């Protein structure tokens, strides 16, 4: 091996951001193993690569005593005449291996800090075992079946967004694992589509999701007068529609967050209308009373609406119709007050709770506690 080749190796190491000393150490180790094999030696070998001249020296290590823990060796120079030819091939292998290792480390360093972010890529391969997503040239992410909504199927070269949940080092390539089911994907998609969320004016307080089917998102505003739900939905639903499209039609309910549990639970059950919420702080249970014709809507298909509302709020929710509540002796004509469940003194206003979670502002029809619009929701006497 010539000094010119040594110079070329050093230059390449610097260009590829590879530790040149580590690369040359690997080259010496590989040459030692190669010469022991081709020379059919019983003893170990050691190779010394002169860093200045590029000359290679091969030594056989002959045991001459010592202990089992610390044997002594005598080095015999067995450098073959054709040492450079073999060294050139070994150098090529080591260089390629070092380049792959360096690239693998760079990818790991780049993506290990991005766990919890969303990425966009194109589907390269998809079957029952896994789906590979190309993030950029030379970088692929793994989308396991467990992280795929059961309603989704992927086509070759299709562009999709996913959420990074893990990055780990392997002996081949860094394993970047992404998800299409994680609630964090909803957060990142809203950040992309809603400037107010990206800027921190509107905050996503909680996300509850049944991937591929339906999600609920609770939002609040840090600016008085700004409607956080309206900001997320966008003009004529344009913003949330983009997110629904990315999630292949997954339904998304955006509801206002409230620090008052009764109001928050009522909001979370949207689009169902709620008559009253009785919150028990000790058991963290909310008893919700809804008009008879809203019971199935509040519960949802196979309990989905109630289940998501419970996940969103962190409260256990028990839903009763007004008829059921009346049969059990519960009052149904008052709403939750500021103290989270105590009855208010009736003030002549309609007691119905609108889909926004706020009490109706209309005056009640004389002799009832409902306005004309909500009178039909009154329980039968």
Foldseek 3Di string as FASTA:
>chain_A
DFQVVLVVLVVLCVVLVFDSVVLVVVLQVVLQVVCCVVVVDPAGKGWDQPSRGRDIWIWGWDFDADDPVDTHTDTDTPQDPPSVVVSVVSSVVSSVVRSQVSVQVVVLVVCVVQQLAKAKFFWADDDQAWTWTDRDVPDIEIEGPVQDQPVDDHDGRDMAMWGFHDWADDPGHIHTYTHPFDQSVVVNLLCVLFVCPVVPQKDFPFKFDDQPAEIETEIDGPDPPDDNQCRSCDDVSVRVVVVCVSSVNHYYHYAYDDPQLFLLLQLLLPPAWWLAWAADPVQLAIETEGQPVRQCSSCDDVSVSQVNSCRGRVGHYHYDYPVRCVVVPHDRQAYADPVRHDGDDQDQAARIQHNNSHGDGHGPDPPGNHNPVCPVSDDDD
